[in-house]
Amino acid sequence: MSIDNNGNAILRGTLVQNQDPINPAPDQDEFVMKDSLGDVVALVRLQNGNMFISGNLFESQPSLIPPASDDFVIINSDGEVISYIDESGNFYLRGSLTQNGNP
């Protein structure tokens, strides 16, 4: 997965929304995001590039202001928030998401 300076994301695999629960696989390399209680809210499988979120995808957000919590926030070189995943597993992008792409 890659995210450019404008908040456009390219995912090597596909996105699965509203996945609950998200169970990490013990024998796979994964990038895991947890909420403040330790529950998995987002996961990217490194082997195939598939992403699972417990919430929804929100693209083309004109401005992003994540709440003050344990969000996973991506900031570009200009100091602007271009993407974040919140405590509920919602994935916010300033740009758009391309699935089955070449990050």
PDB file of N, CA and C in Angstrom:
ATOM      1  N   MET A   1       0.838  -1.172   0.000  1.00  0.00           N
ATOM      2  CA  MET A   1       0.000   0.000   0.000  1.00  0.00           C
ATOM      3  C   MET A   1       0.885   1.236   0.000  1.00  0.00           C
ATOM      4  N   SER A   2       0.465   2.237  -0.750  1.00  0.00           N
ATOM      5  CA  SER A   2       1.155   3.520  -0.732  1.00  0.00           C
ATOM      6  C   SER A   2       0.122   4.635  -0.707  1.00  0.00           C
ATOM      7  N   ILE A   3       0.533   5.768  -0.140  1.00  0.00           N
ATOM      8  CA  ILE A   3      -0.318   6.962  -0.103  1.00  0.00           C
ATOM      9  C   ILE A   3       0.538   8.129  -0.549  1.00  0.00           C
ATOM     10  N   ASP A   4       0.066   8.850  -1.581  1.00  0.00           N
ATOM     11  CA  ASP A   4       0.856   9.966  -2.080  1.00  0.00           C
ATOM     12  C   ASP A   4       0.601  11.237  -1.268  1.00  0.00           C
ATOM     13  N   ASN A   5       1.287  12.293  -1.615  1.00  0.00           N
ATOM     14  CA  ASN A   5       1.235  13.555  -0.878  1.00  0.00           C
ATOM     15  C   ASN A   5      -0.149  14.210  -0.904  1.00  0.00           C
ATOM     16  N   ASN A   6      -0.995  13.814  -1.870  1.00  0.00           N
ATOM     17  CA  ASN A   6      -2.347  14.367  -1.984  1.00  0.00           C
ATOM     18  C   ASN A   6      -3.410  13.504  -1.319  1.00  0.00           C
ATOM     19  N   GLY A   7      -3.007  12.384  -0.723  1.00  0.00           N
ATOM     20  CA  GLY A   7      -3.963  11.523  -0.036  1.00  0.00           C
ATOM     21  C   GLY A   7      -4.621  10.494  -0.926  1.00  0.00           C
ATOM     22  N   ASN A   8      -4.012  10.177  -2.066  1.00  0.00           N
ATOM     23  CA  ASN A   8      -4.491   9.084  -2.914  1.00  0.00           C
ATOM     24  C   ASN A   8      -3.763   7.815  -2.495  1.00  0.00           C
ATOM     25  N   ALA A   9      -4.514   6.748  -2.258  1.00  0.00           N
ATOM     26  CA  ALA A   9      -3.926   5.491  -1.796  1.00  0.00           C
ATOM     27  C   ALA A   9      -4.021   4.443  -2.895  1.00  0.00           C
ATOM     28  N   ILE A  10      -2.973   3.637  -2.993  1.00  0.00           N
ATOM     29  CA  ILE A  10      -2.967   2.499  -3.909  1.00  0.00           C
ATOM     30  C   ILE A  10      -2.776   1.250  -3.065  1.00  0.00           C
ATOM     31  N   LEU A  11      -3.715   0.355  -3.187  1.00  0.00           N
ATOM     32  CA  LEU A  11      -3.702  -0.905  -2.443  1.00  0.00           C
ATOM     33  C   LEU A  11      -3.396  -2.027  -3.422  1.00  0.00           C
ATOM     34  N   ARG A  12      -2.423  -2.861  -3.090  1.00  0.00           N
ATOM     35  CA  ARG A  12      -2.066  -3.969  -3.991  1.00  0.00           C
ATOM     36  C   ARG A  12      -3.214  -4.973  -4.127  1.00  0.00           C
ATOM     37  N   GLY A  13      -3.962  -5.146  -3.071  1.00  0.00           N
ATOM     38  CA  GLY A  13      -5.093  -6.087  -3.079  1.00  0.00           C
ATOM     39  C   GLY A  13      -6.424  -5.352  -3.082  1.00  0.00           C
ATOM     40  N   THR A  14      -7.363  -5.897  -2.341  1.00  0.00           N
ATOM     41  CA  THR A  14      -8.704  -5.319  -2.267  1.00  0.00           C
ATOM     42  C   THR A  14      -9.007  -4.874  -0.840  1.00  0.00           C
ATOM     43  N   LEU A  15     -10.002  -4.008  -0.709  1.00  0.00           N
ATOM     44  CA  LEU A  15     -10.453  -3.510   0.588  1.00  0.00           C
ATOM     45  C   LEU A  15     -11.743  -4.217   0.969  1.00  0.00           C
ATOM     46  N   VAL A  16     -11.789  -4.715   2.200  1.00  0.00           N
ATOM     47  CA  VAL A  16     -13.009  -5.299   2.760  1.00  0.00           C
ATOM     48  C   VAL A  16     -13.449  -4.380   3.891  1.00  0.00           C
ATOM     49  N   GLN A  17     -14.652  -3.807   3.769  1.00  0.00           N
ATOM     50  CA  GLN A  17     -15.190  -2.905   4.780  1.00  0.00           C
ATOM     51  C   GLN A  17     -16.130  -3.654   5.722  1.00  0.00           C
ATOM     52  N   ASN A  18     -16.374  -3.064   6.883  1.00  0.00           N
ATOM     53  CA  ASN A  18     -17.307  -3.599   7.880  1.00  0.00           C
ATOM     54  C   ASN A  18     -16.968  -5.027   8.280  1.00  0.00           C
ATOM     55  N   GLN A  19     -15.681  -5.333   8.358  1.00  0.00           N
ATOM     56  CA  GLN A  19     -15.219  -6.664   8.765  1.00  0.00           C
ATOM     57  C   GLN A  19     -15.118  -6.669  10.288  1.00  0.00           C
ATOM     58  N   ASP A  20     -15.945  -7.478  10.924  1.00  0.00           N
ATOM     59  CA  ASP A  20     -15.924  -7.533  12.380  1.00  0.00           C
ATOM     60  C   ASP A  20     -16.245  -8.940  12.841  1.00  0.00           C
ATOM     61  N   PRO A  21     -15.377  -9.592  13.515  1.00  0.00           N
ATOM     62  CA  PRO A  21     -14.073  -9.123  13.971  1.00  0.00           C
ATOM     63  C   PRO A  21     -13.022  -9.297  12.878  1.00  0.00           C
ATOM     64  N   ILE A  22     -11.903  -8.607  13.076  1.00  0.00           N
ATOM     65  CA  ILE A  22     -10.739  -8.770  12.202  1.00  0.00           C
ATOM     66  C   ILE A  22      -9.751  -9.623  12.971  1.00  0.00           C
ATOM     67  N   ASN A  23      -9.440 -10.786  12.431  1.00  0.00           N
ATOM     68  CA  ASN A  23      -8.555 -11.718  13.116  1.00  0.00           C
ATOM     69  C   ASN A  23      -7.224 -11.831  12.388  1.00  0.00           C
ATOM     70  N   PRO A  24      -6.155 -11.360  13.021  1.00  0.00           N
ATOM     71  CA  PRO A  24      -4.840 -11.535  12.409  1.00  0.00           C
ATOM     72  C   PRO A  24      -4.515 -13.019  12.245  1.00  0.00           C
ATOM     73  N   ALA A  25      -3.807 -13.349  11.173  1.00  0.00           N
ATOM     74  CA  ALA A  25      -3.396 -14.728  10.925  1.00  0.00           C
ATOM     75  C   ALA A  25      -2.037 -14.953  11.585  1.00  0.00           C
ATOM     76  N   PRO A  26      -1.894 -16.005  12.377  1.00  0.00           N
ATOM     77  CA  PRO A  26      -0.641 -16.213  13.098  1.00  0.00           C
ATOM     78  C   PRO A  26       0.561 -16.504  12.206  1.00  0.00           C
ATOM     79  N   ASP A  27       0.327 -16.970  10.983  1.00  0.00           N
ATOM     80  CA  ASP A  27       1.437 -17.374  10.120  1.00  0.00           C
ATOM     81  C   ASP A  27       1.681 -16.404   8.960  1.00  0.00           C
ATOM     82  N   GLN A  28       1.124 -15.176   9.024  1.00  0.00           N
ATOM     83  CA  GLN A  28       1.298 -14.210   7.937  1.00  0.00           C
ATOM     84  C   GLN A  28       1.871 -12.908   8.477  1.00  0.00           C
ATOM     85  N   ASP A  29       2.614 -12.214   7.614  1.00  0.00           N
ATOM     86  CA  ASP A  29       3.092 -10.876   7.958  1.00  0.00           C
ATOM     87  C   ASP A  29       1.956  -9.893   7.697  1.00  0.00           C
ATOM     88  N   GLU A  30       1.649  -9.073   8.705  1.00  0.00           N
ATOM     89  CA  GLU A  30       0.526  -8.147   8.600  1.00  0.00           C
ATOM     90  C   GLU A  30       0.865  -6.830   9.292  1.00  0.00           C
ATOM     91  N   PHE A  31       0.259  -5.766   8.793  1.00  0.00           N
ATOM     92  CA  PHE A  31       0.321  -4.467   9.442  1.00  0.00           C
ATOM     93  C   PHE A  31      -1.012  -4.307  10.153  1.00  0.00           C
ATOM     94  N   VAL A  32      -0.987  -4.223  11.480  1.00  0.00           N
ATOM     95  CA  VAL A  32      -2.204  -4.246  12.287  1.00  0.00           C
ATOM     96  C   VAL A  32      -2.366  -2.925  13.024  1.00  0.00           C
ATOM     97  N   MET A  33      -3.591  -2.371  12.998  1.00  0.00           N
ATOM     98  CA  MET A  33      -3.928  -1.177  13.763  1.00  0.00           C
ATOM     99  C   MET A  33      -4.990  -1.544  14.787  1.00  0.00           C
ATOM    100  N   LYS A  34      -4.764  -1.128  16.035  1.00  0.00           N
ATOM    101  CA  LYS A  34      -5.685  -1.463  17.119  1.00  0.00           C
ATOM    102  C   LYS A  34      -6.267  -0.192  17.718  1.00  0.00           C
ATOM    103  N   ASP A  35      -7.440  -0.336  18.340  1.00  0.00           N
ATOM    104  CA  ASP A  35      -8.026   0.790  19.057  1.00  0.00           C
ATOM    105  C   ASP A  35      -7.431   0.866  20.462  1.00  0.00           C
ATOM    106  N   SER A  36      -7.902   1.798  21.261  1.00  0.00           N
ATOM    107  CA  SER A  36      -7.336   2.001  22.594  1.00  0.00           C
ATOM    108  C   SER A  36      -7.606   0.837  23.546  1.00  0.00           C
ATOM    109  N   LEU A  37      -8.531  -0.044  23.191  1.00  0.00           N
ATOM    110  CA  LEU A  37      -8.818  -1.228  24.005  1.00  0.00           C
ATOM    111  C   LEU A  37      -8.024  -2.447  23.550  1.00  0.00           C
ATOM    112  N   GLY A  38      -7.266  -2.285  22.452  1.00  0.00           N
ATOM    113  CA  GLY A  38      -6.465  -3.391  21.933  1.00  0.00           C
ATOM    114  C   GLY A  38      -7.165  -4.246  20.899  1.00  0.00           C
ATOM    115  N   ASP A  39      -8.364  -3.837  20.472  1.00  0.00           N
ATOM    116  CA  ASP A  39      -9.086  -4.575  19.433  1.00  0.00           C
ATOM    117  C   ASP A  39      -8.580  -4.150  18.059  1.00  0.00           C
ATOM    118  N   VAL A  40      -8.421  -5.106  17.155  1.00  0.00           N
ATOM    119  CA  VAL A  40      -7.956  -4.808  15.797  1.00  0.00           C
ATOM    120  C   VAL A  40      -9.068  -4.109  15.027  1.00  0.00           C
ATOM    121  N   VAL A  41      -8.765  -2.914  14.483  1.00  0.00           N
ATOM    122  CA  VAL A  41      -9.751  -2.166  13.698  1.00  0.00           C
ATOM    123  C   VAL A  41      -9.374  -2.077  12.230  1.00  0.00           C
ATOM    124  N   ALA A  42      -8.111  -2.385  11.901  1.00  0.00           N
ATOM    125  CA  ALA A  42      -7.667  -2.391  10.503  1.00  0.00           C
ATOM    126  C   ALA A  42      -6.449  -3.299  10.390  1.00  0.00           C
ATOM    127  N   LEU A  43      -6.333  -3.924   9.225  1.00  0.00           N
ATOM    128  CA  LEU A  43      -5.238  -4.864   9.001  1.00  0.00           C
ATOM    129  C   LEU A  43      -4.922  -4.898   7.518  1.00  0.00           C
ATOM    130  N   VAL A  44      -3.623  -4.900   7.186  1.00  0.00           N
ATOM    131  CA  VAL A  44      -3.183  -5.084   5.799  1.00  0.00           C
ATOM    132  C   VAL A  44      -2.334  -6.342   5.764  1.00  0.00           C
ATOM    133  N   ARG A  45      -2.740  -7.309   4.937  1.00  0.00           N
ATOM    134  CA  ARG A  45      -1.955  -8.537   4.753  1.00  0.00           C
ATOM    135  C   ARG A  45      -0.844  -8.244   3.756  1.00  0.00           C
ATOM    136  N   LEU A  46       0.380  -8.382   4.197  1.00  0.00           N
ATOM    137  CA  LEU A  46       1.516  -8.018   3.352  1.00  0.00           C
ATOM    138  C   LEU A  46       1.719  -8.996   2.202  1.00  0.00           C
ATOM    139  N   GLN A  47       1.291 -10.241   2.364  1.00  0.00           N
ATOM    140  CA  GLN A  47       1.466 -11.255   1.329  1.00  0.00           C
ATOM    141  C   GLN A  47       0.665 -10.933   0.065  1.00  0.00           C
ATOM    142  N   ASN A  48      -0.593 -10.492   0.244  1.00  0.00           N
ATOM    143  CA  ASN A  48      -1.437 -10.257  -0.934  1.00  0.00           C
ATOM    144  C   ASN A  48      -1.931  -8.815  -1.060  1.00  0.00           C
ATOM    145  N   GLY A  49      -1.644  -7.975  -0.059  1.00  0.00           N
ATOM    146  CA  GLY A  49      -2.040  -6.573  -0.125  1.00  0.00           C
ATOM    147  C   GLY A  49      -3.489  -6.301   0.180  1.00  0.00           C
ATOM    148  N   ASN A  50      -4.229  -7.288   0.670  1.00  0.00           N
ATOM    149  CA  ASN A  50      -5.626  -7.064   1.028  1.00  0.00           C
ATOM    150  C   ASN A  50      -5.704  -6.302   2.348  1.00  0.00           C
ATOM    151  N   MET A  51      -6.691  -5.410   2.439  1.00  0.00           N
ATOM    152  CA  MET A  51      -6.897  -4.596   3.635  1.00  0.00           C
ATOM    153  C   MET A  51      -8.287  -4.852   4.176  1.00  0.00           C
ATOM    154  N   PHE A  52      -8.378  -4.966   5.485  1.00  0.00           N
ATOM    155  CA  PHE A  52      -9.648  -5.184   6.175  1.00  0.00           C
ATOM    156  C   PHE A  52      -9.829  -4.061   7.185  1.00  0.00           C
ATOM    157  N   ILE A  53     -11.013  -3.435   7.176  1.00  0.00           N
ATOM    158  CA  ILE A  53     -11.320  -2.399   8.163  1.00  0.00           C
ATOM    159  C   ILE A  53     -12.656  -2.731   8.818  1.00  0.00           C
ATOM    160  N   SER A  54     -12.773  -2.388  10.089  1.00  0.00           N
ATOM    161  CA  SER A  54     -14.028  -2.684  10.781  1.00  0.00           C
ATOM    162  C   SER A  54     -15.082  -1.627  10.506  1.00  0.00           C
ATOM    163  N   GLY A  55     -14.694  -0.510   9.909  1.00  0.00           N
ATOM    164  CA  GLY A  55     -15.631   0.558   9.565  1.00  0.00           C
ATOM    165  C   GLY A  55     -15.807   0.702   8.070  1.00  0.00           C
ATOM    166  N   ASN A  56     -15.908   1.947   7.626  1.00  0.00           N
ATOM    167  CA  ASN A  56     -16.162   2.269   6.227  1.00  0.00           C
ATOM    168  C   ASN A  56     -15.038   3.123   5.648  1.00  0.00           C
ATOM    169  N   LEU A  57     -14.988   3.179   4.330  1.00  0.00           N
ATOM    170  CA  LEU A  57     -14.049   4.027   3.596  1.00  0.00           C
ATOM    171  C   LEU A  57     -14.736   5.342   3.270  1.00  0.00           C
ATOM    172  N   PHE A  58     -14.031   6.453   3.535  1.00  0.00           N
ATOM    173  CA  PHE A  58     -14.522   7.786   3.197  1.00  0.00           C
ATOM    174  C   PHE A  58     -13.461   8.462   2.338  1.00  0.00           C
ATOM    175  N   GLU A  59     -13.745   8.581   1.031  1.00  0.00           N
ATOM    176  CA  GLU A  59     -12.810   9.171   0.082  1.00  0.00           C
ATOM    177  C   GLU A  59     -13.166  10.629  -0.185  1.00  0.00           C
ATOM    178  N   SER A  60     -12.224  11.326  -0.833  1.00  0.00           N
ATOM    179  CA  SER A  60     -12.422  12.704  -1.304  1.00  0.00           C
ATOM    180  C   SER A  60     -12.881  13.640  -0.193  1.00  0.00           C
ATOM    181  N   GLN A  61     -12.246  13.533   0.960  1.00  0.00           N
ATOM    182  CA  GLN A  61     -12.560  14.415   2.078  1.00  0.00           C
ATOM    183  C   GLN A  61     -11.778  15.723   1.911  1.00  0.00           C
ATOM    184  N   PRO A  62     -12.468  16.873   1.826  1.00  0.00           N
ATOM    185  CA  PRO A  62     -11.776  18.137   1.562  1.00  0.00           C
ATOM    186  C   PRO A  62     -10.791  18.535   2.659  1.00  0.00           C
ATOM    187  N   SER A  63     -11.107  18.215   3.891  1.00  0.00           N
ATOM    188  CA  SER A  63     -10.151  18.452   4.974  1.00  0.00           C
ATOM    189  C   SER A  63     -10.356  17.362   6.012  1.00  0.00           C
ATOM    190  N   LEU A  64      -9.269  16.975   6.621  1.00  0.00           N
ATOM    191  CA  LEU A  64      -9.326  15.892   7.599  1.00  0.00           C
ATOM    192  C   LEU A  64      -8.807  16.394   8.937  1.00  0.00           C
ATOM    193  N   ILE A  65      -9.653  16.269   9.947  1.00  0.00           N
ATOM    194  CA  ILE A  65      -9.275  16.628  11.304  1.00  0.00           C
ATOM    195  C   ILE A  65      -9.620  15.433  12.187  1.00  0.00           C
ATOM    196  N   PRO A  66      -8.627  14.575  12.444  1.00  0.00           N
ATOM    197  CA  PRO A  66      -8.916  13.402  13.256  1.00  0.00           C
ATOM    198  C   PRO A  66      -9.231  13.793  14.690  1.00  0.00           C
ATOM    199  N   PRO A  67     -10.149  13.060  15.326  1.00  0.00           N
ATOM    200  CA  PRO A  67     -10.438  13.335  16.729  1.00  0.00           C
ATOM    201  C   PRO A  67      -9.209  13.032  17.588  1.00  0.00           C
ATOM    202  N   ALA A  68      -9.163  13.618  18.750  1.00  0.00           N
ATOM    203  CA  ALA A  68      -8.034  13.401  19.665  1.00  0.00           C
ATOM    204  C   ALA A  68      -8.193  12.047  20.350  1.00  0.00           C
ATOM    205  N   SER A  69      -7.730  11.026  19.679  1.00  0.00           N
ATOM    206  CA  SER A  69      -7.801   9.674  20.240  1.00  0.00           C
ATOM    207  C   SER A  69      -6.626   8.880  19.679  1.00  0.00           C
ATOM    208  N   ASP A  70      -6.741   7.570  19.686  1.00  0.00           N
ATOM    209  CA  ASP A  70      -5.649   6.719  19.220  1.00  0.00           C
ATOM    210  C   ASP A  70      -5.754   6.404  17.735  1.00  0.00           C
ATOM    211  N   ASP A  71      -5.946   7.434  16.918  1.00  0.00           N
ATOM    212  CA  ASP A  71      -6.068   7.244  15.483  1.00  0.00           C
ATOM    213  C   ASP A  71      -4.696   7.029  14.854  1.00  0.00           C
ATOM    214  N   PHE A  72      -4.687   6.336  13.702  1.00  0.00           N
ATOM    215  CA  PHE A  72      -3.493   6.187  12.880  1.00  0.00           C
ATOM    216  C   PHE A  72      -3.566   7.303  11.850  1.00  0.00           C
ATOM    217  N   VAL A  73      -2.683   8.294  11.954  1.00  0.00           N
ATOM    218  CA  VAL A  73      -2.769   9.505  11.136  1.00  0.00           C
ATOM    219  C   VAL A  73      -1.559   9.602  10.219  1.00  0.00           C
ATOM    220  N   ILE A  74      -1.807   9.950   8.944  1.00  0.00           N
ATOM    221  CA  ILE A  74      -0.727  10.182   7.985  1.00  0.00           C
ATOM    222  C   ILE A  74      -0.750  11.654   7.608  1.00  0.00           C
ATOM    223  N   ILE A  75       0.416  12.300   7.752  1.00  0.00           N
ATOM    224  CA  ILE A  75       0.562  13.725   7.471  1.00  0.00           C
ATOM    225  C   ILE A  75       1.571  13.881   6.335  1.00  0.00           C
ATOM    226  N   ASN A  76       1.257  14.754   5.356  1.00  0.00           N
ATOM    227  CA  ASN A  76       2.173  14.941   4.227  1.00  0.00           C
ATOM    228  C   ASN A  76       3.304  15.897   4.600  1.00  0.00           C
ATOM    229  N   SER A  77       4.171  16.166   3.656  1.00  0.00           N
ATOM    230  CA  SER A  77       5.351  16.996   3.916  1.00  0.00           C
ATOM    231  C   SER A  77       5.000  18.446   4.214  1.00  0.00           C
ATOM    232  N   ASP A  78       3.774  18.871   3.898  1.00  0.00           N
ATOM    233  CA  ASP A  78       3.323  20.229   4.205  1.00  0.00           C
ATOM    234  C   ASP A  78       2.655  20.313   5.577  1.00  0.00           C
ATOM    235  N   GLY A  79       2.607  19.186   6.299  1.00  0.00           N
ATOM    236  CA  GLY A  79       1.997  19.159   7.621  1.00  0.00           C
ATOM    237  C   GLY A  79       0.491  18.983   7.608  1.00  0.00           C
ATOM    238  N   GLU A  80      -0.079  18.609   6.450  1.00  0.00           N
ATOM    239  CA  GLU A  80      -1.526  18.425   6.323  1.00  0.00           C
ATOM    240  C   GLU A  80      -1.888  16.953   6.530  1.00  0.00           C
ATOM    241  N   VAL A  81      -2.988  16.710   7.247  1.00  0.00           N
ATOM    242  CA  VAL A  81      -3.487  15.345   7.407  1.00  0.00           C
ATOM    243  C   VAL A  81      -4.086  14.918   6.073  1.00  0.00           C
ATOM    244  N   ILE A  82      -3.577  13.806   5.520  1.00  0.00           N
ATOM    245  CA  ILE A  82      -4.071  13.346   4.221  1.00  0.00           C
ATOM    246  C   ILE A  82      -4.821  12.020   4.344  1.00  0.00           C
ATOM    247  N   SER A  83      -4.698  11.367   5.497  1.00  0.00           N
ATOM    248  CA  SER A  83      -5.397  10.098   5.708  1.00  0.00           C
ATOM    249  C   SER A  83      -5.357   9.745   7.187  1.00  0.00           C
ATOM    250  N   TYR A  84      -6.390   9.050   7.636  1.00  0.00           N
ATOM    251  CA  TYR A  84      -6.329   8.467   8.978  1.00  0.00           C
ATOM    252  C   TYR A  84      -7.342   7.337   9.112  1.00  0.00           C
ATOM    253  N   ILE A  85      -7.063   6.482  10.076  1.00  0.00           N
ATOM    254  CA  ILE A  85      -7.985   5.407  10.457  1.00  0.00           C
ATOM    255  C   ILE A  85      -8.355   5.682  11.903  1.00  0.00           C
ATOM    256  N   ASP A  86      -9.658   5.791  12.168  1.00  0.00           N
ATOM    257  CA  ASP A  86     -10.090   6.149  13.517  1.00  0.00           C
ATOM    258  C   ASP A  86     -10.319   4.927  14.403  1.00  0.00           C
ATOM    259  N   GLU A  87     -10.725   5.176  15.630  1.00  0.00           N
ATOM    260  CA  GLU A  87     -10.943   4.137  16.650  1.00  0.00           C
ATOM    261  C   GLU A  87     -11.985   3.098  16.222  1.00  0.00           C
ATOM    262  N   SER A  88     -12.884   3.474  15.326  1.00  0.00           N
ATOM    263  CA  SER A  88     -13.932   2.555  14.872  1.00  0.00           C
ATOM    264  C   SER A  88     -13.541   1.798  13.614  1.00  0.00           C
ATOM    265  N   GLY A  89     -12.343   2.060  13.098  1.00  0.00           N
ATOM    266  CA  GLY A  89     -11.895   1.384  11.890  1.00  0.00           C
ATOM    267  C   GLY A  89     -12.366   2.036  10.611  1.00  0.00           C
ATOM    268  N   ASN A  90     -12.817   3.285  10.680  1.00  0.00           N
ATOM    269  CA  ASN A  90     -13.162   4.032   9.476  1.00  0.00           C
ATOM    270  C   ASN A  90     -11.878   4.565   8.861  1.00  0.00           C
ATOM    271  N   PHE A  91     -11.776   4.481   7.537  1.00  0.00           N
ATOM    272  CA  PHE A  91     -10.577   4.864   6.789  1.00  0.00           C
ATOM    273  C   PHE A  91     -10.907   6.119   5.993  1.00  0.00           C
ATOM    274  N   TYR A  92     -10.280   7.232   6.341  1.00  0.00           N
ATOM    275  CA  TYR A  92     -10.525   8.521   5.704  1.00  0.00           C
ATOM    276  C   TYR A  92      -9.360   8.866   4.782  1.00  0.00           C
ATOM    277  N   LEU A  93      -9.695   9.302   3.566  1.00  0.00           N
ATOM    278  CA  LEU A  93      -8.694   9.706   2.577  1.00  0.00           C
ATOM    279  C   LEU A  93      -9.050  11.072   2.012  1.00  0.00           C
ATOM    280  N   ARG A  94      -8.057  11.893   1.863  1.00  0.00           N
ATOM    281  CA  ARG A  94      -8.273  13.160   1.180  1.00  0.00           C
ATOM    282  C   ARG A  94      -8.502  12.932  -0.305  1.00  0.00           C
ATOM    283  N   GLY A  95      -7.857  11.925  -0.851  1.00  0.00           N
ATOM    284  CA  GLY A  95      -7.998  11.572  -2.261  1.00  0.00           C
ATOM    285  C   GLY A  95      -8.869  10.351  -2.433  1.00  0.00           C
ATOM    286  N   SER A  96      -8.434   9.448  -3.313  1.00  0.00           N
ATOM    287  CA  SER A  96      -9.217   8.253  -3.603  1.00  0.00           C
ATOM    288  C   SER A  96      -8.369   6.987  -3.419  1.00  0.00           C
ATOM    289  N   LEU A  97      -9.050   5.863  -3.377  1.00  0.00           N
ATOM    290  CA  LEU A  97      -8.392   4.569  -3.208  1.00  0.00           C
ATOM    291  C   LEU A  97      -8.442   3.798  -4.527  1.00  0.00           C
ATOM    292  N   THR A  98      -7.296   3.301  -4.964  1.00  0.00           N
ATOM    293  CA  THR A  98      -7.209   2.393  -6.111  1.00  0.00           C
ATOM    294  C   THR A  98      -6.924   1.008  -5.572  1.00  0.00           C
ATOM    295  N   GLN A  99      -7.787   0.050  -5.928  1.00  0.00           N
ATOM    296  CA  GLN A  99      -7.599  -1.341  -5.514  1.00  0.00           C
ATOM    297  C   GLN A  99      -6.957  -2.129  -6.639  1.00  0.00           C
ATOM    298  N   ASN A 100      -6.280  -3.225  -6.263  1.00  0.00           N
ATOM    299  CA  ASN A 100      -5.593  -4.074  -7.224  1.00  0.00           C
ATOM    300  C   ASN A 100      -4.615  -3.278  -8.080  1.00  0.00           C
ATOM    301  N   GLY A 101      -3.942  -2.321  -7.426  1.00  0.00           N
ATOM    302  CA  GLY A 101      -2.997  -1.462  -8.120  1.00  0.00           C
ATOM    303  C   GLY A 101      -1.550  -1.892  -7.892  1.00  0.00           C
ATOM    304  N   ASN A 102      -0.646  -1.053  -8.298  1.00  0.00           N
ATOM    305  CA  ASN A 102       0.777  -1.301  -8.145  1.00  0.00           C
ATOM    306  C   ASN A 102       1.397  -0.191  -7.294  1.00  0.00           C
ATOM    307  N   PRO A 103       1.419  -0.402  -5.959  1.00  0.00           N
ATOM    308  CA  PRO A 103       1.945   0.660  -5.091  1.00  0.00           C
ATOM    309  C   PRO A 103       3.400   0.825  -5.329  1.00  0.00           C
TER     310      PRO A 103
END
